Structure formats: structure tokens, C-alpha cells
């Protein structure tokens, strides 16, 4: 069986990609593997690191609620 990996962050674009993957899985008997992704920009100061860590935790909590 073939597999389609779909990166998903619950954005509009990634949900459209998931819809397309569902179509492919039905048409060609593919298995869908979801890869949850979050953005993590490069950061340079200690204050930004603290803010980034807080944002990552919020994104993770939001994503877990959607799953």
C-alpha cells in the first residue's frame, strides 16, 4: 500500500492539502499519514526565546484540542 504524508498545522492551506490527500486515498487506495507541524522561527535574544517558548506551548495546546 502506498502512503501520502500530509504535513498539517490546522491552517486553511494544510486542511485543503488534507482534503486532497483524502481524495487520493479513496481513488488510489493510499494510506494517509499526518505529520503535525508548527513554525519555529530563528530567535536571537533571551527575551524572544521566552516568548517563543510560550507561543509554542499555546500552539501545541490549540492543536491538541483540535485533534
PDB file of N, CA and C in Angstrom:
ATOM      1  N   UNK A   1       0.840  -1.186   0.000  1.00  0.00           N
ATOM      2  CA  UNK A   1       0.000   0.000   0.000  1.00  0.00           C
ATOM      3  C   UNK A   1       0.883   1.247   0.000  1.00  0.00           C
ATOM      4  N   UNK A   2       0.519   2.206  -0.811  1.00  0.00           N
ATOM      5  CA  UNK A   2       1.255   3.467  -0.867  1.00  0.00           C
ATOM      6  C   UNK A   2       0.761   4.396   0.226  1.00  0.00           C
ATOM      7  N   UNK A   3       1.631   5.333   0.597  1.00  0.00           N
ATOM      8  CA  UNK A   3       1.301   6.263   1.669  1.00  0.00           C
ATOM      9  C   UNK A   3       1.487   7.695   1.191  1.00  0.00           C
ATOM     10  N   UNK A   4       0.642   8.578   1.706  1.00  0.00           N
ATOM     11  CA  UNK A   4       0.753  10.006   1.454  1.00  0.00           C
ATOM     12  C   UNK A   4       0.994  10.667   2.802  1.00  0.00           C
ATOM     13  N   UNK A   5       2.088  11.422   2.920  1.00  0.00           N
ATOM     14  CA  UNK A   5       2.378  12.157   4.146  1.00  0.00           C
ATOM     15  C   UNK A   5       1.842  13.572   3.977  1.00  0.00           C
ATOM     16  N   UNK A   6       1.010  13.983   4.935  1.00  0.00           N
ATOM     17  CA  UNK A   6       0.395  15.307   4.870  1.00  0.00           C
ATOM     18  C   UNK A   6       0.850  16.117   6.089  1.00  0.00           C
ATOM     19  N   UNK A   7       1.699  17.122   5.870  1.00  0.00           N
ATOM     20  CA  UNK A   7       2.051  17.997   6.995  1.00  0.00           C
ATOM     21  C   UNK A   7       0.845  18.872   7.323  1.00  0.00           C
ATOM     22  N   UNK A   8       0.515  18.975   8.605  1.00  0.00           N
ATOM     23  CA  UNK A   8      -0.683  19.714   8.993  1.00  0.00           C
ATOM     24  C   UNK A   8      -0.406  20.579  10.210  1.00  0.00           C
ATOM     25  N   UNK A   9      -0.847  21.826  10.118  1.00  0.00           N
ATOM     26  CA  UNK A   9      -0.754  22.743  11.262  1.00  0.00           C
ATOM     27  C   UNK A   9      -2.117  23.363  11.547  1.00  0.00           C
ATOM     28  N   UNK A  10      -3.148  22.818  10.916  1.00  0.00           N
ATOM     29  CA  UNK A  10      -4.537  23.239  11.040  1.00  0.00           C
ATOM     30  C   UNK A  10      -4.811  24.598  10.407  1.00  0.00           C
ATOM     31  N   UNK A  11      -3.870  25.065   9.566  1.00  0.00           N
ATOM     32  CA  UNK A  11      -4.128  26.278   8.797  1.00  0.00           C
ATOM     33  C   UNK A  11      -5.073  25.925   7.650  1.00  0.00           C
ATOM     34  N   UNK A  12      -5.637  26.941   7.015  1.00  0.00           N
ATOM     35  CA  UNK A  12      -6.538  26.715   5.884  1.00  0.00           C
ATOM     36  C   UNK A  12      -5.843  25.929   4.782  1.00  0.00           C
ATOM     37  N   UNK A  13      -4.611  26.290   4.498  1.00  0.00           N
ATOM     38  CA  UNK A  13      -3.855  25.618   3.437  1.00  0.00           C
ATOM     39  C   UNK A  13      -3.621  24.146   3.760  1.00  0.00           C
ATOM     40  N   UNK A  14      -3.236  23.850   4.992  1.00  0.00           N
ATOM     41  CA  UNK A  14      -2.958  22.456   5.331  1.00  0.00           C
ATOM     42  C   UNK A  14      -4.243  21.625   5.351  1.00  0.00           C
ATOM     43  N   UNK A  15      -5.364  22.232   5.720  1.00  0.00           N
ATOM     44  CA  UNK A  15      -6.637  21.498   5.696  1.00  0.00           C
ATOM     45  C   UNK A  15      -7.069  21.207   4.257  1.00  0.00           C
ATOM     46  N   UNK A  16      -6.759  22.124   3.336  1.00  0.00           N
ATOM     47  CA  UNK A  16      -7.031  21.862   1.919  1.00  0.00           C
ATOM     48  C   UNK A  16      -6.157  20.712   1.415  1.00  0.00           C
ATOM     49  N   UNK A  17      -4.899  20.691   1.857  1.00  0.00           N
ATOM     50  CA  UNK A  17      -3.999  19.593   1.471  1.00  0.00           C
ATOM     51  C   UNK A  17      -4.535  18.270   2.001  1.00  0.00           C
ATOM     52  N   UNK A  18      -5.074  18.282   3.216  1.00  0.00           N
ATOM     53  CA  UNK A  18      -5.658  17.068   3.789  1.00  0.00           C
ATOM     54  C   UNK A  18      -6.860  16.613   2.970  1.00  0.00           C
ATOM     55  N   UNK A  19      -7.712  17.551   2.557  1.00  0.00           N
ATOM     56  CA  UNK A  19      -8.856  17.187   1.708  1.00  0.00           C
ATOM     57  C   UNK A  19      -8.387  16.525   0.420  1.00  0.00           C
ATOM     58  N   UNK A  20      -7.339  17.071  -0.183  1.00  0.00           N
ATOM     59  CA  UNK A  20      -6.801  16.489  -1.417  1.00  0.00           C
ATOM     60  C   UNK A  20      -6.228  15.096  -1.150  1.00  0.00           C
ATOM     61  N   UNK A  21      -5.541  14.945  -0.031  1.00  0.00           N
ATOM     62  CA  UNK A  21      -4.984  13.641   0.328  1.00  0.00           C
ATOM     63  C   UNK A  21      -6.097  12.613   0.547  1.00  0.00           C
ATOM     64  N   UNK A  22      -7.212  13.051   1.138  1.00  0.00           N
ATOM     65  CA  UNK A  22      -8.346  12.127   1.332  1.00  0.00           C
ATOM     66  C   UNK A  22      -8.889  11.660  -0.014  1.00  0.00           C
ATOM     67  N   UNK A  23      -8.963  12.582  -0.973  1.00  0.00           N
ATOM     68  CA  UNK A  23      -9.399  12.215  -2.313  1.00  0.00           C
ATOM     69  C   UNK A  23      -8.453  11.177  -2.918  1.00  0.00           C
ATOM     70  N   UNK A  24      -7.145  11.436  -2.831  1.00  0.00           N
ATOM     71  CA  UNK A  24      -6.166  10.497  -3.376  1.00  0.00           C
ATOM     72  C   UNK A  24      -6.258   9.128  -2.701  1.00  0.00           C
ATOM     73  N   UNK A  25      -6.483   9.145  -1.393  1.00  0.00           N
ATOM     74  CA  UNK A  25      -6.528   7.871  -0.671  1.00  0.00           C
ATOM     75  C   UNK A  25      -7.716   7.030  -1.124  1.00  0.00           C
ATOM     76  N   UNK A  26      -8.828   7.690  -1.430  1.00  0.00           N
ATOM     77  CA  UNK A  26     -10.000   6.940  -1.917  1.00  0.00           C
ATOM     78  C   UNK A  26      -9.787   6.457  -3.349  1.00  0.00           C
ATOM     79  N   UNK A  27      -9.257   7.321  -4.191  1.00  0.00           N
ATOM     80  CA  UNK A  27      -9.101   6.988  -5.604  1.00  0.00           C
ATOM     81  C   UNK A  27      -8.028   5.929  -5.857  1.00  0.00           C
ATOM     82  N   UNK A  28      -6.945   5.982  -5.085  1.00  0.00           N
ATOM     83  CA  UNK A  28      -5.798   5.126  -5.370  1.00  0.00           C
ATOM     84  C   UNK A  28      -5.433   4.193  -4.223  1.00  0.00           C
ATOM     85  N   UNK A  29      -6.303   4.100  -3.235  1.00  0.00           N
ATOM     86  CA  UNK A  29      -6.090   3.224  -2.091  1.00  0.00           C
ATOM     87  C   UNK A  29      -4.772   3.546  -1.368  1.00  0.00           C
ATOM     88  N   UNK A  30      -4.568   4.834  -1.100  1.00  0.00           N
ATOM     89  CA  UNK A  30      -3.402   5.292  -0.348  1.00  0.00           C
ATOM     90  C   UNK A  30      -3.742   5.377   1.129  1.00  0.00           C
ATOM     91  N   UNK A  31      -2.735   5.193   1.956  1.00  0.00           N
ATOM     92  CA  UNK A  31      -2.855   5.424   3.385  1.00  0.00           C
ATOM     93  C   UNK A  31      -2.374   6.843   3.664  1.00  0.00           C
ATOM     94  N   UNK A  32      -3.077   7.561   4.538  1.00  0.00           N
ATOM     95  CA  UNK A  32      -2.695   8.929   4.889  1.00  0.00           C
ATOM     96  C   UNK A  32      -1.953   8.921   6.217  1.00  0.00           C
ATOM     97  N   UNK A  33      -0.781   9.552   6.220  1.00  0.00           N
ATOM     98  CA  UNK A  33      -0.027   9.761   7.453  1.00  0.00           C
ATOM     99  C   UNK A  33       0.018  11.261   7.711  1.00  0.00           C
ATOM    100  N   UNK A  34      -0.485  11.693   8.868  1.00  0.00           N
ATOM    101  CA  UNK A  34      -0.451  13.114   9.208  1.00  0.00           C
ATOM    102  C   UNK A  34       0.820  13.430   9.972  1.00  0.00           C
ATOM    103  N   UNK A  35       1.459  14.519   9.589  1.00  0.00           N
ATOM    104  CA  UNK A  35       2.661  14.992  10.262  1.00  0.00           C
ATOM    105  C   UNK A  35       2.342  16.372  10.817  1.00  0.00           C
ATOM    106  N   UNK A  36       2.138  16.453  12.131  1.00  0.00           N
ATOM    107  CA  UNK A  36       1.791  17.740  12.744  1.00  0.00           C
ATOM    108  C   UNK A  36       3.026  18.629  12.754  1.00  0.00           C
ATOM    109  N   UNK A  37       2.865  19.848  12.260  1.00  0.00           N
ATOM    110  CA  UNK A  37       3.986  20.785  12.167  1.00  0.00           C
ATOM    111  C   UNK A  37       3.638  22.091  12.869  1.00  0.00           C
ATOM    112  N   UNK A  38       4.653  22.755  13.367  1.00  0.00           N
ATOM    113  CA  UNK A  38       4.494  24.105  13.910  1.00  0.00           C
ATOM    114  C   UNK A  38       5.663  24.938  13.392  1.00  0.00           C
ATOM    115  N   UNK A  39       5.429  26.221  13.261  1.00  0.00           N
ATOM    116  CA  UNK A  39       6.519  27.083  12.818  1.00  0.00           C
ATOM    117  C   UNK A  39       7.379  27.454  14.018  1.00  0.00           C
ATOM    118  N   UNK A  40       8.652  27.504  13.786  1.00  0.00           N
ATOM    119  CA  UNK A  40       9.584  27.869  14.852  1.00  0.00           C
ATOM    120  C   UNK A  40      10.678  28.738  14.255  1.00  0.00           C
ATOM    121  N   UNK A  41      10.436  30.043  14.191  1.00  0.00           N
ATOM    122  CA  UNK A  41      11.435  30.920  13.580  1.00  0.00           C
ATOM    123  C   UNK A  41      12.717  30.993  14.401  1.00  0.00           C
ATOM    124  N   UNK A  42      13.781  31.347  13.736  1.00  0.00           N
ATOM    125  CA  UNK A  42      15.065  31.516  14.420  1.00  0.00           C
ATOM    126  C   UNK A  42      14.963  32.722  15.343  1.00  0.00           C
ATOM    127  N   UNK A  43      15.450  32.566  16.555  1.00  0.00           N
ATOM    128  CA  UNK A  43      15.362  33.630  17.538  1.00  0.00           C
ATOM    129  C   UNK A  43      16.756  33.983  18.040  1.00  0.00           C
ATOM    130  N   UNK A  44      16.902  35.242  18.495  1.00  0.00           N
ATOM    131  CA  UNK A  44      18.253  35.674  18.809  1.00  0.00           C
ATOM    132  C   UNK A  44      18.474  36.229  20.209  1.00  0.00           C
ATOM    133  N   UNK A  45      17.434  36.621  20.915  1.00  0.00           N
ATOM    134  CA  UNK A  45      17.647  37.185  22.243  1.00  0.00           C
ATOM    135  C   UNK A  45      16.960  36.332  23.301  1.00  0.00           C
ATOM    136  N   UNK A  46      17.376  36.478  24.539  1.00  0.00           N
ATOM    137  CA  UNK A  46      16.781  35.703  25.631  1.00  0.00           C
ATOM    138  C   UNK A  46      15.302  36.028  25.802  1.00  0.00           C
ATOM    139  N   UNK A  47      14.927  37.284  25.671  1.00  0.00           N
ATOM    140  CA  UNK A  47      13.517  37.668  25.804  1.00  0.00           C
ATOM    141  C   UNK A  47      12.680  37.019  24.716  1.00  0.00           C
ATOM    142  N   UNK A  48      13.212  36.984  23.496  1.00  0.00           N
ATOM    143  CA  UNK A  48      12.487  36.355  22.391  1.00  0.00           C
ATOM    144  C   UNK A  48      12.357  34.855  22.613  1.00  0.00           C
ATOM    145  N   UNK A  49      13.352  34.228  23.205  1.00  0.00           N
ATOM    146  CA  UNK A  49      13.291  32.790  23.484  1.00  0.00           C
ATOM    147  C   UNK A  49      12.139  32.495  24.446  1.00  0.00           C
ATOM    148  N   UNK A  50      11.990  33.294  25.481  1.00  0.00           N
ATOM    149  CA  UNK A  50      10.906  33.098  26.444  1.00  0.00           C
ATOM    150  C   UNK A  50       9.547  33.262  25.770  1.00  0.00           C
ATOM    151  N   UNK A  51       9.429  34.271  24.917  1.00  0.00           N
ATOM    152  CA  UNK A  51       8.168  34.498  24.202  1.00  0.00           C
ATOM    153  C   UNK A  51       7.905  33.345  23.243  1.00  0.00           C
ATOM    154  N   UNK A  52       8.920  32.899  22.535  1.00  0.00           N
ATOM    155  CA  UNK A  52       8.765  31.812  21.583  1.00  0.00           C
ATOM    156  C   UNK A  52       8.320  30.535  22.293  1.00  0.00           C
ATOM    157  N   UNK A  53       8.914  30.222  23.426  1.00  0.00           N
ATOM    158  CA  UNK A  53       8.538  29.024  24.178  1.00  0.00           C
ATOM    159  C   UNK A  53       7.071  29.095  24.590  1.00  0.00           C
ATOM    160  N   UNK A  54       6.626  30.266  24.998  1.00  0.00           N
ATOM    161  CA  UNK A  54       5.223  30.450  25.385  1.00  0.00           C
ATOM    162  C   UNK A  54       4.299  30.234  24.178  1.00  0.00           C
ATOM    163  N   UNK A  55       4.692  30.764  23.027  1.00  0.00           N
ATOM    164  CA  UNK A  55       3.884  30.606  21.813  1.00  0.00           C
ATOM    165  C   UNK A  55       3.838  29.151  21.359  1.00  0.00           C
ATOM    166  N   UNK A  56       4.947  28.442  21.454  1.00  0.00           N
ATOM    167  CA  UNK A  56       4.976  27.027  21.067  1.00  0.00           C
ATOM    168  C   UNK A  56       4.025  26.227  21.943  1.00  0.00           C
ATOM    169  N   UNK A  57       4.031  26.487  23.231  1.00  0.00           N
ATOM    170  CA  UNK A  57       3.135  25.783  24.151  1.00  0.00           C
ATOM    171  C   UNK A  57       1.678  26.075  23.792  1.00  0.00           C
ATOM    172  N   UNK A  58       1.364  27.333  23.473  1.00  0.00           N
ATOM    173  CA  UNK A  58      -0.007  27.700  23.093  1.00  0.00           C
ATOM    174  C   UNK A  58      -0.414  26.983  21.805  1.00  0.00           C
ATOM    175  N   UNK A  59       0.467  26.960  20.800  1.00  0.00           N
ATOM    176  CA  UNK A  59       0.169  26.266  19.551  1.00  0.00           C
ATOM    177  C   UNK A  59      -0.048  24.776  19.792  1.00  0.00           C
ATOM    178  N   UNK A  60       0.771  24.194  20.637  1.00  0.00           N
ATOM    179  CA  UNK A  60       0.635  22.773  20.953  1.00  0.00           C
ATOM    180  C   UNK A  60      -0.711  22.500  21.628  1.00  0.00           C
ATOM    181  N   UNK A  61      -1.094  23.329  22.597  1.00  0.00           N
ATOM    182  CA  UNK A  61      -2.374  23.149  23.275  1.00  0.00           C
ATOM    183  C   UNK A  61      -3.543  23.316  22.313  1.00  0.00           C
ATOM    184  N   UNK A  62      -3.477  24.326  21.447  1.00  0.00           N
ATOM    185  CA  UNK A  62      -4.537  24.545  20.465  1.00  0.00           C
ATOM    186  C   UNK A  62      -4.663  23.344  19.520  1.00  0.00           C
ATOM    187  N   UNK A  63      -3.545  22.822  19.065  1.00  0.00           N
ATOM    188  CA  UNK A  63      -3.555  21.681  18.157  1.00  0.00           C
ATOM    189  C   UNK A  63      -4.100  20.433  18.833  1.00  0.00           C
ATOM    190  N   UNK A  64      -3.722  20.216  20.069  1.00  0.00           N
ATOM    191  CA  UNK A  64      -4.232  19.045  20.803  1.00  0.00           C
ATOM    192  C   UNK A  64      -5.742  19.115  20.958  1.00  0.00           C
ATOM    193  N   UNK A  65      -6.284  20.300  21.174  1.00  0.00           N
ATOM    194  CA  UNK A  65      -7.741  20.444  21.287  1.00  0.00           C
ATOM    195  C   UNK A  65      -8.412  20.118  19.954  1.00  0.00           C
ATOM    196  N   UNK A  66      -7.771  20.455  18.837  1.00  0.00           N
ATOM    197  CA  UNK A  66      -8.356  20.196  17.529  1.00  0.00           C
ATOM    198  C   UNK A  66      -8.280  18.734  17.130  1.00  0.00           C
ATOM    199  N   UNK A  67      -7.304  18.020  17.682  1.00  0.00           N
ATOM    200  CA  UNK A  67      -7.210  16.592  17.378  1.00  0.00           C
ATOM    201  C   UNK A  67      -8.303  15.871  18.093  1.00  0.00           C
TER     202      UNK A  67
END
